[in-house]
Amino acid sequence: MAKERYRVVIRCPECGERYILRGHRNEKGEYETGFQQCICGNEDHLYIDGAPE
C-alpha cells in the first residue's frame, strides 16, 4: 500500500526563505522530505506545516 503524500511548507524564521516540498509521514509522525538545512545554514529552528495532497 502506498504512503499518503503531503505538501510540506518549510519556513525559516532567520532569513524568511520558504520551501515547498512533497513528502511522507514516518512512524513518529514527522514529515520526511529529504530537506536538511536552509540556505542561510539554519537546520534546527524551522517552521514545518503539511497538508495531504
PDB file of N, CA and C in Angstrom:
ATOM      1  N   MET A   1       0.847  -1.182   0.000  1.00  0.00           N
ATOM      2  CA  MET A   1       0.000   0.000   0.000  1.00  0.00           C
ATOM      3  C   MET A   1       0.890   1.242   0.000  1.00  0.00           C
ATOM      4  N   ALA A   2       0.592   2.192  -0.840  1.00  0.00           N
ATOM      5  CA  ALA A   2       1.402   3.408  -0.965  1.00  0.00           C
ATOM      6  C   ALA A   2       1.132   4.361   0.198  1.00  0.00           C
ATOM      7  N   LYS A   3       2.181   5.041   0.638  1.00  0.00           N
ATOM      8  CA  LYS A   3       2.032   6.033   1.704  1.00  0.00           C
ATOM      9  C   LYS A   3       1.347   7.271   1.139  1.00  0.00           C
ATOM     10  N   GLU A   4       0.601   7.943   1.989  1.00  0.00           N
ATOM     11  CA  GLU A   4      -0.051   9.179   1.578  1.00  0.00           C
ATOM     12  C   GLU A   4       0.988  10.289   1.451  1.00  0.00           C
ATOM     13  N   ARG A   5       0.915  11.033   0.343  1.00  0.00           N
ATOM     14  CA  ARG A   5       1.864  12.128   0.124  1.00  0.00           C
ATOM     15  C   ARG A   5       1.315  13.406   0.738  1.00  0.00           C
ATOM     16  N   TYR A   6       2.251  14.245   1.198  1.00  0.00           N
ATOM     17  CA  TYR A   6       1.902  15.520   1.813  1.00  0.00           C
ATOM     18  C   TYR A   6       2.620  16.647   1.100  1.00  0.00           C
ATOM     19  N   ARG A   7       1.969  17.789   1.032  1.00  0.00           N
ATOM     20  CA  ARG A   7       2.603  19.029   0.569  1.00  0.00           C
ATOM     21  C   ARG A   7       3.132  19.694   1.827  1.00  0.00           C
ATOM     22  N   VAL A   8       4.450  19.836   1.915  1.00  0.00           N
ATOM     23  CA  VAL A   8       5.098  20.323   3.123  1.00  0.00           C
ATOM     24  C   VAL A   8       5.705  21.703   2.851  1.00  0.00           C
ATOM     25  N   VAL A   9       5.343  22.667   3.687  1.00  0.00           N
ATOM     26  CA  VAL A   9       5.893  24.019   3.585  1.00  0.00           C
ATOM     27  C   VAL A   9       6.845  24.208   4.756  1.00  0.00           C
ATOM     28  N   ILE A  10       8.088  24.552   4.438  1.00  0.00           N
ATOM     29  CA  ILE A  10       9.114  24.783   5.457  1.00  0.00           C
ATOM     30  C   ILE A  10       9.515  26.246   5.388  1.00  0.00           C
ATOM     31  N   ARG A  11       9.411  26.955   6.515  1.00  0.00           N
ATOM     32  CA  ARG A  11       9.775  28.377   6.575  1.00  0.00           C
ATOM     33  C   ARG A  11      10.911  28.562   7.564  1.00  0.00           C
ATOM     34  N   CYS A  12      11.861  29.415   7.177  1.00  0.00           N
ATOM     35  CA  CYS A  12      12.991  29.742   8.047  1.00  0.00           C
ATOM     36  C   CYS A  12      12.729  31.101   8.681  1.00  0.00           C
ATOM     37  N   PRO A  13      12.636  31.171  10.019  1.00  0.00           N
ATOM     38  CA  PRO A  13      12.393  32.457  10.678  1.00  0.00           C
ATOM     39  C   PRO A  13      13.620  33.368  10.674  1.00  0.00           C
ATOM     40  N   GLU A  14      14.797  32.813  10.422  1.00  0.00           N
ATOM     41  CA  GLU A  14      16.017  33.616  10.451  1.00  0.00           C
ATOM     42  C   GLU A  14      16.195  34.460   9.192  1.00  0.00           C
ATOM     43  N   CYS A  15      15.923  33.886   8.016  1.00  0.00           N
ATOM     44  CA  CYS A  15      16.141  34.641   6.776  1.00  0.00           C
ATOM     45  C   CYS A  15      14.860  34.860   5.981  1.00  0.00           C
ATOM     46  N   GLY A  16      13.763  34.190   6.367  1.00  0.00           N
ATOM     47  CA  GLY A  16      12.487  34.374   5.682  1.00  0.00           C
ATOM     48  C   GLY A  16      12.293  33.491   4.460  1.00  0.00           C
ATOM     49  N   GLU A  17      13.237  32.622   4.152  1.00  0.00           N
ATOM     50  CA  GLU A  17      13.129  31.735   2.985  1.00  0.00           C
ATOM     51  C   GLU A  17      12.006  30.728   3.207  1.00  0.00           C
ATOM     52  N   ARG A  18      11.345  30.338   2.107  1.00  0.00           N
ATOM     53  CA  ARG A  18      10.248  29.377   2.170  1.00  0.00           C
ATOM     54  C   ARG A  18      10.476  28.286   1.135  1.00  0.00           C
ATOM     55  N   TYR A  19      10.253  27.044   1.524  1.00  0.00           N
ATOM     56  CA  TYR A  19      10.415  25.887   0.649  1.00  0.00           C
ATOM     57  C   TYR A  19       9.094  25.120   0.611  1.00  0.00           C
ATOM     58  N   ILE A  20       8.697  24.681  -0.578  1.00  0.00           N
ATOM     59  CA  ILE A  20       7.508  23.854  -0.735  1.00  0.00           C
ATOM     60  C   ILE A  20       7.973  22.523  -1.315  1.00  0.00           C
ATOM     61  N   LEU A  21       7.753  21.455  -0.559  1.00  0.00           N
ATOM     62  CA  LEU A  21       8.235  20.129  -0.935  1.00  0.00           C
ATOM     63  C   LEU A  21       7.120  19.102  -0.819  1.00  0.00           C
ATOM     64  N   ARG A  22       7.371  17.915  -1.334  1.00  0.00           N
ATOM     65  CA  ARG A  22       6.462  16.793  -1.144  1.00  0.00           C
ATOM     66  C   ARG A  22       7.156  15.789  -0.256  1.00  0.00           C
ATOM     67  N   GLY A  23       6.373  15.129   0.595  1.00  0.00           N
ATOM     68  CA  GLY A  23       6.963  14.156   1.491  1.00  0.00           C
ATOM     69  C   GLY A  23       5.939  13.188   2.039  1.00  0.00           C
ATOM     70  N   HIS A  24       6.396  12.344   2.951  1.00  0.00           N
ATOM     71  CA  HIS A  24       5.574  11.343   3.620  1.00  0.00           C
ATOM     72  C   HIS A  24       5.761  11.498   5.116  1.00  0.00           C
ATOM     73  N   ARG A  25       4.846  10.921   5.875  1.00  0.00           N
ATOM     74  CA  ARG A  25       4.984  10.896   7.333  1.00  0.00           C
ATOM     75  C   ARG A  25       5.656   9.599   7.735  1.00  0.00           C
ATOM     76  N   ASN A  26       6.541   9.686   8.733  1.00  0.00           N
ATOM     77  CA  ASN A  26       7.179   8.476   9.247  1.00  0.00           C
ATOM     78  C   ASN A  26       6.413   7.956  10.465  1.00  0.00           C
ATOM     79  N   GLU A  27       6.940   6.931  11.111  1.00  0.00           N
ATOM     80  CA  GLU A  27       6.268   6.307  12.257  1.00  0.00           C
ATOM     81  C   GLU A  27       6.111   7.262  13.435  1.00  0.00           C
ATOM     82  N   LYS A  28       7.002   8.256  13.544  1.00  0.00           N
ATOM     83  CA  LYS A  28       6.947   9.231  14.637  1.00  0.00           C
ATOM     84  C   LYS A  28       5.986  10.377  14.354  1.00  0.00           C
ATOM     85  N   GLY A  29       5.408  10.418  13.145  1.00  0.00           N
ATOM     86  CA  GLY A  29       4.503  11.494  12.781  1.00  0.00           C
ATOM     87  C   GLY A  29       5.202  12.705  12.190  1.00  0.00           C
ATOM     88  N   GLU A  30       6.513  12.582  11.935  1.00  0.00           N
ATOM     89  CA  GLU A  30       7.277  13.687  11.356  1.00  0.00           C
ATOM     90  C   GLU A  30       7.224  13.583   9.830  1.00  0.00           C
ATOM     91  N   TYR A  31       7.403  14.724   9.161  1.00  0.00           N
ATOM     92  CA  TYR A  31       7.413  14.741   7.710  1.00  0.00           C
ATOM     93  C   TYR A  31       8.806  14.425   7.194  1.00  0.00           C
ATOM     94  N   GLU A  32       8.899  13.501   6.240  1.00  0.00           N
ATOM     95  CA  GLU A  32      10.161  13.166   5.599  1.00  0.00           C
ATOM     96  C   GLU A  32      10.152  13.733   4.188  1.00  0.00           C
ATOM     97  N   THR A  33      11.057  14.674   3.931  1.00  0.00           N
ATOM     98  CA  THR A  33      11.136  15.299   2.612  1.00  0.00           C
ATOM     99  C   THR A  33      12.538  15.247   2.026  1.00  0.00           C
ATOM    100  N   GLY A  34      13.526  14.942   2.832  1.00  0.00           N
ATOM    101  CA  GLY A  34      14.909  14.987   2.389  1.00  0.00           C
ATOM    102  C   GLY A  34      15.553  16.333   2.649  1.00  0.00           C
ATOM    103  N   PHE A  35      14.779  17.304   3.154  1.00  0.00           N
ATOM    104  CA  PHE A  35      15.287  18.643   3.455  1.00  0.00           C
ATOM    105  C   PHE A  35      16.254  18.551   4.631  1.00  0.00           C
ATOM    106  N   GLN A  36      17.422  19.232   4.516  1.00  0.00           N
ATOM    107  CA  GLN A  36      18.399  19.165   5.593  1.00  0.00           C
ATOM    108  C   GLN A  36      18.671  20.508   6.254  1.00  0.00           C
ATOM    109  N   GLN A  37      18.830  21.587   5.460  1.00  0.00           N
ATOM    110  CA  GLN A  37      19.056  22.897   6.069  1.00  0.00           C
ATOM    111  C   GLN A  37      18.706  23.994   5.079  1.00  0.00           C
ATOM    112  N   CYS A  38      18.443  25.176   5.626  1.00  0.00           N
ATOM    113  CA  CYS A  38      18.136  26.361   4.827  1.00  0.00           C
ATOM    114  C   CYS A  38      19.424  26.876   4.181  1.00  0.00           C
ATOM    115  N   ILE A  39      19.283  27.718   3.169  1.00  0.00           N
ATOM    116  CA  ILE A  39      20.467  28.282   2.507  1.00  0.00           C
ATOM    117  C   ILE A  39      21.269  29.178   3.443  1.00  0.00           C
ATOM    118  N   CYS A  40      20.645  29.690   4.517  1.00  0.00           N
ATOM    119  CA  CYS A  40      21.375  30.523   5.475  1.00  0.00           C
ATOM    120  C   CYS A  40      22.140  29.676   6.495  1.00  0.00           C
ATOM    121  N   GLY A  41      21.985  28.353   6.452  1.00  0.00           N
ATOM    122  CA  GLY A  41      22.694  27.471   7.365  1.00  0.00           C
ATOM    123  C   GLY A  41      21.854  26.993   8.540  1.00  0.00           C
ATOM    124  N   ASN A  42      20.657  27.519   8.696  1.00  0.00           N
ATOM    125  CA  ASN A  42      19.766  27.128   9.780  1.00  0.00           C
ATOM    126  C   ASN A  42      19.255  25.710   9.528  1.00  0.00           C
ATOM    127  N   GLU A  43      19.433  24.833  10.514  1.00  0.00           N
ATOM    128  CA  GLU A  43      18.904  23.488  10.365  1.00  0.00           C
ATOM    129  C   GLU A  43      18.065  23.038  11.556  1.00  0.00           C
ATOM    130  N   ASP A  44      17.949  23.890  12.581  1.00  0.00           N
ATOM    131  CA  ASP A  44      17.223  23.496  13.784  1.00  0.00           C
ATOM    132  C   ASP A  44      15.909  24.234  13.995  1.00  0.00           C
ATOM    133  N   HIS A  45      15.871  25.518  13.743  1.00  0.00           N
ATOM    134  CA  HIS A  45      14.689  26.330  14.041  1.00  0.00           C
ATOM    135  C   HIS A  45      13.932  26.622  12.748  1.00  0.00           C
ATOM    136  N   LEU A  46      13.075  25.673  12.358  1.00  0.00           N
ATOM    137  CA  LEU A  46      12.299  25.803  11.130  1.00  0.00           C
ATOM    138  C   LEU A  46      10.830  25.579  11.453  1.00  0.00           C
ATOM    139  N   TYR A  47       9.943  26.306  10.770  1.00  0.00           N
ATOM    140  CA  TYR A  47       8.510  26.095  10.899  1.00  0.00           C
ATOM    141  C   TYR A  47       8.086  25.152   9.784  1.00  0.00           C
ATOM    142  N   ILE A  48       7.494  24.018  10.159  1.00  0.00           N
ATOM    143  CA  ILE A  48       7.114  22.990   9.190  1.00  0.00           C
ATOM    144  C   ILE A  48       5.622  22.767   9.285  1.00  0.00           C
ATOM    145  N   ASP A  49       4.936  22.836   8.130  1.00  0.00           N
ATOM    146  CA  ASP A  49       3.495  22.621   8.069  1.00  0.00           C
ATOM    147  C   ASP A  49       3.200  21.720   6.884  1.00  0.00           C
ATOM    148  N   GLY A  50       2.318  20.752   7.065  1.00  0.00           N
ATOM    149  CA  GLY A  50       1.997  19.830   5.991  1.00  0.00           C
ATOM    150  C   GLY A  50       0.506  19.664   5.808  1.00  0.00           C
ATOM    151  N   ALA A  51       0.114  19.344   4.572  1.00  0.00           N
ATOM    152  CA  ALA A  51      -1.280  19.085   4.242  1.00  0.00           C
ATOM    153  C   ALA A  51      -1.331  17.941   3.230  1.00  0.00           C
ATOM    154  N   PRO A  52      -2.291  17.044   3.342  1.00  0.00           N
ATOM    155  CA  PRO A  52      -2.406  15.943   2.372  1.00  0.00           C
ATOM    156  C   PRO A  52      -2.622  16.492   0.965  1.00  0.00           C
ATOM    157  N   GLU A  53      -2.069  15.786  -0.025  1.00  0.00           N
ATOM    158  CA  GLU A  53      -2.262  16.195  -1.422  1.00  0.00           C
ATOM    159  C   GLU A  53      -3.544  15.592  -1.954  1.00  0.00           C
TER     160      GLU A  53
END
